[in-house]
């Protein structure tokens, strides 16, 4: 669902947007913000995975799951 907002931009930024937007500022800005959000979320995932890889409790739990995952396969 889209929602209308009002923003204030520097004149040179608005000129840049108008040159890039192909007549649709909203779609252009939505696209830019979506790309930025994806980048931020990807970085947050990397940081979380790095933190997990340093957490002894998490690593022990993963090792336990790995051990159990194969339990009974050869039965």
N, C-alpha and C. Protein backbone atom coordinates (compact mmCIF):
# COMPACT_ATOMS: atom_id res chain seq x y z
N UNK A 1 0.84 -1.16 0.00
CA UNK A 1 0.00 0.00 0.00
C UNK A 1 0.89 1.24 0.00
N UNK A 2 0.63 2.14 -0.89
CA UNK A 2 1.41 3.36 -0.96
C UNK A 2 0.73 4.45 -0.14
N UNK A 3 1.58 5.34 0.37
CA UNK A 3 1.09 6.46 1.16
C UNK A 3 1.79 7.72 0.68
N UNK A 4 1.05 8.77 0.54
CA UNK A 4 1.61 10.03 0.09
C UNK A 4 2.26 10.75 1.26
N UNK A 5 3.46 11.31 1.00
CA UNK A 5 4.16 12.09 2.02
C UNK A 5 4.66 13.38 1.38
N UNK A 6 5.08 14.29 2.20
CA UNK A 6 5.71 15.51 1.72
C UNK A 6 7.15 15.52 2.23
N UNK A 7 8.09 15.82 1.35
CA UNK A 7 9.49 15.92 1.74
C UNK A 7 10.06 17.21 1.19
N UNK A 8 11.14 17.64 1.79
CA UNK A 8 11.85 18.83 1.32
C UNK A 8 13.23 18.40 0.86
N UNK A 9 13.55 18.75 -0.38
CA UNK A 9 14.84 18.39 -0.96
C UNK A 9 15.57 19.64 -1.43
N UNK A 10 16.90 19.54 -1.42
CA UNK A 10 17.69 20.60 -2.04
C UNK A 10 17.33 20.67 -3.52
N UNK A 11 17.38 21.84 -4.06
CA UNK A 11 17.00 22.05 -5.46
C UNK A 11 17.83 21.18 -6.40
N UNK A 12 19.14 21.07 -6.14
CA UNK A 12 19.99 20.26 -7.03
C UNK A 12 19.65 18.78 -6.94
N UNK A 13 19.24 18.31 -5.76
CA UNK A 13 18.83 16.90 -5.63
C UNK A 13 17.53 16.65 -6.40
N UNK A 14 16.62 17.58 -6.32
CA UNK A 14 15.36 17.42 -7.06
C UNK A 14 15.61 17.41 -8.56
N UNK A 15 16.52 18.25 -9.01
CA UNK A 15 16.86 18.26 -10.44
C UNK A 15 17.46 16.92 -10.86
N UNK A 16 18.32 16.37 -10.00
CA UNK A 16 18.90 15.07 -10.29
C UNK A 16 17.81 14.01 -10.37
N UNK A 17 16.91 14.00 -9.41
CA UNK A 17 15.82 13.01 -9.41
C UNK A 17 14.99 13.15 -10.67
N UNK A 18 14.67 14.37 -11.04
CA UNK A 18 13.87 14.58 -12.25
C UNK A 18 14.58 14.06 -13.50
N UNK A 19 15.90 14.20 -13.56
CA UNK A 19 16.64 13.69 -14.72
C UNK A 19 16.65 12.16 -14.75
N UNK A 20 16.63 11.53 -13.59
CA UNK A 20 16.73 10.07 -13.51
C UNK A 20 15.38 9.36 -13.52
N UNK A 21 14.33 10.05 -13.12
CA UNK A 21 13.06 9.41 -12.80
C UNK A 21 12.19 9.06 -14.00
N UNK A 22 12.54 9.51 -15.17
CA UNK A 22 11.72 9.24 -16.36
C UNK A 22 10.26 9.59 -16.14
N UNK A 23 10.03 10.72 -15.47
CA UNK A 23 8.67 11.21 -15.31
C UNK A 23 7.92 10.67 -14.11
N UNK A 24 8.52 9.77 -13.33
CA UNK A 24 7.81 9.23 -12.18
C UNK A 24 8.72 9.26 -10.95
N UNK A 25 8.68 10.37 -10.25
CA UNK A 25 9.52 10.55 -9.06
C UNK A 25 9.23 9.47 -8.02
N UNK A 26 7.96 9.18 -7.80
CA UNK A 26 7.59 8.23 -6.76
C UNK A 26 8.19 6.85 -7.02
N UNK A 27 8.04 6.36 -8.24
CA UNK A 27 8.60 5.05 -8.56
C UNK A 27 10.11 5.05 -8.43
N UNK A 28 10.74 6.12 -8.86
CA UNK A 28 12.19 6.21 -8.78
C UNK A 28 12.65 6.19 -7.32
N UNK A 29 12.04 7.01 -6.48
CA UNK A 29 12.41 7.05 -5.07
C UNK A 29 12.10 5.73 -4.37
N UNK A 30 10.96 5.11 -4.69
CA UNK A 30 10.64 3.79 -4.13
C UNK A 30 11.71 2.78 -4.49
N UNK A 31 12.16 2.81 -5.73
CA UNK A 31 13.19 1.88 -6.18
C UNK A 31 14.50 2.11 -5.43
N UNK A 32 14.91 3.37 -5.30
CA UNK A 32 16.15 3.67 -4.58
C UNK A 32 16.08 3.23 -3.13
N UNK A 33 14.98 3.51 -2.48
CA UNK A 33 14.84 3.16 -1.07
C UNK A 33 14.77 1.65 -0.89
N UNK A 34 14.10 0.96 -1.80
CA UNK A 34 14.04 -0.50 -1.75
C UNK A 34 15.44 -1.10 -1.88
N UNK A 35 16.24 -0.58 -2.81
CA UNK A 35 17.61 -1.07 -2.98
C UNK A 35 18.43 -0.82 -1.71
N UNK A 36 18.28 0.35 -1.13
CA UNK A 36 19.03 0.68 0.08
C UNK A 36 18.60 -0.22 1.24
N UNK A 37 17.30 -0.46 1.36
CA UNK A 37 16.81 -1.35 2.42
C UNK A 37 17.39 -2.75 2.26
N UNK A 38 17.42 -3.26 1.04
CA UNK A 38 18.00 -4.59 0.79
C UNK A 38 19.47 -4.64 1.19
N UNK A 39 20.21 -3.57 0.85
CA UNK A 39 21.63 -3.52 1.22
C UNK A 39 21.80 -3.53 2.73
N UNK A 40 21.01 -2.75 3.42
CA UNK A 40 21.10 -2.67 4.88
C UNK A 40 20.74 -4.01 5.51
N UNK A 41 19.66 -4.63 5.04
CA UNK A 41 19.26 -5.93 5.59
C UNK A 41 20.32 -7.00 5.33
N UNK A 42 20.91 -6.99 4.14
CA UNK A 42 21.97 -7.96 3.83
C UNK A 42 23.16 -7.75 4.76
N UNK A 43 23.52 -6.51 5.01
CA UNK A 43 24.63 -6.22 5.93
C UNK A 43 24.29 -6.66 7.34
N UNK A 44 23.05 -6.46 7.76
CA UNK A 44 22.63 -6.89 9.10
C UNK A 44 22.71 -8.41 9.24
N UNK A 45 22.36 -9.12 8.17
CA UNK A 45 22.45 -10.58 8.19
C UNK A 45 23.90 -11.02 8.32
N UNK A 46 24.79 -10.38 7.57
CA UNK A 46 26.21 -10.72 7.65
C UNK A 46 26.73 -10.50 9.06
N UNK A 47 26.39 -9.37 9.66
CA UNK A 47 26.83 -9.07 11.02
C UNK A 47 26.29 -10.11 12.00
N UNK A 48 25.01 -10.47 11.86
CA UNK A 48 24.41 -11.46 12.75
C UNK A 48 25.10 -12.82 12.60
N UNK A 49 25.39 -13.21 11.38
CA UNK A 49 26.08 -14.48 11.16
C UNK A 49 27.50 -14.46 11.72
N UNK A 50 28.17 -13.32 11.59
CA UNK A 50 29.51 -13.20 12.16
C UNK A 50 29.45 -13.30 13.68
N UNK A 51 28.46 -12.66 14.28
CA UNK A 51 28.30 -12.75 15.73
C UNK A 51 28.00 -14.18 16.16
N UNK A 52 27.12 -14.86 15.41
CA UNK A 52 26.79 -16.25 15.72
C UNK A 52 28.03 -17.14 15.64
N UNK A 53 28.88 -16.86 14.66
CA UNK A 53 30.06 -17.71 14.49
C UNK A 53 31.07 -17.54 15.62
N UNK A 54 30.89 -16.54 16.45
CA UNK A 54 31.77 -16.31 17.60
C UNK A 54 31.12 -16.70 18.93
N UNK A 55 29.87 -17.17 18.87
CA UNK A 55 29.11 -17.49 20.08
C UNK A 55 29.26 -18.98 20.40
N UNK A 56 29.97 -19.33 21.47
CA UNK A 56 30.20 -20.74 21.79
C UNK A 56 28.91 -21.52 22.02
N UNK A 57 27.93 -20.91 22.65
CA UNK A 57 26.65 -21.61 22.89
C UNK A 57 25.95 -21.92 21.58
N UNK A 58 25.93 -20.96 20.68
CA UNK A 58 25.31 -21.16 19.37
C UNK A 58 26.04 -22.26 18.60
N UNK A 59 27.37 -22.21 18.61
CA UNK A 59 28.16 -23.21 17.89
C UNK A 59 27.93 -24.61 18.46
N UNK A 60 27.81 -24.71 19.79
CA UNK A 60 27.54 -26.00 20.42
C UNK A 60 26.16 -26.52 20.00
N UNK A 61 25.19 -25.63 19.93
CA UNK A 61 23.84 -26.04 19.52
C UNK A 61 23.83 -26.51 18.07
N UNK A 62 24.53 -25.80 17.20
CA UNK A 62 24.62 -26.21 15.79
C UNK A 62 25.31 -27.57 15.69
N UNK A 63 26.36 -27.78 16.45
CA UNK A 63 27.06 -29.07 16.44
C UNK A 63 26.12 -30.19 16.88
N UNK A 64 25.31 -29.91 17.88
CA UNK A 64 24.34 -30.91 18.35
C UNK A 64 23.31 -31.22 17.27
N UNK A 65 22.80 -30.19 16.60
CA UNK A 65 21.85 -30.41 15.51
C UNK A 65 22.50 -31.20 14.38
N UNK A 66 23.75 -30.87 14.05
CA UNK A 66 24.45 -31.61 13.01
C UNK A 66 24.59 -33.09 13.39
N UNK A 67 24.88 -33.34 14.64
CA UNK A 67 25.03 -34.72 15.11
C UNK A 67 23.70 -35.46 15.01
N UNK A 68 22.61 -34.79 15.40
CA UNK A 68 21.29 -35.42 15.39
C UNK A 68 20.68 -35.56 14.00
N UNK A 69 21.08 -34.67 13.10
CA UNK A 69 20.49 -34.67 11.77
C UNK A 69 20.72 -35.99 11.03
N UNK A 70 21.84 -36.61 11.28
CA UNK A 70 22.14 -37.88 10.63
C UNK A 70 21.73 -39.09 11.43
N UNK A 71 21.16 -38.87 12.59
CA UNK A 71 20.80 -39.97 13.50
C UNK A 71 19.75 -40.86 12.86
N UNK A 72 20.06 -42.11 12.70
CA UNK A 72 19.10 -43.07 12.18
C UNK A 72 19.06 -43.19 10.68
N UNK A 73 19.89 -42.46 9.97
CA UNK A 73 19.87 -42.53 8.52
C UNK A 73 20.27 -43.92 8.03
N UNK A 74 21.23 -44.52 8.70
CA UNK A 74 21.71 -45.83 8.26
C UNK A 74 20.87 -46.98 8.83
N UNK A 75 19.86 -46.65 9.62
CA UNK A 75 19.08 -47.69 10.27
C UNK A 75 18.20 -48.44 9.30
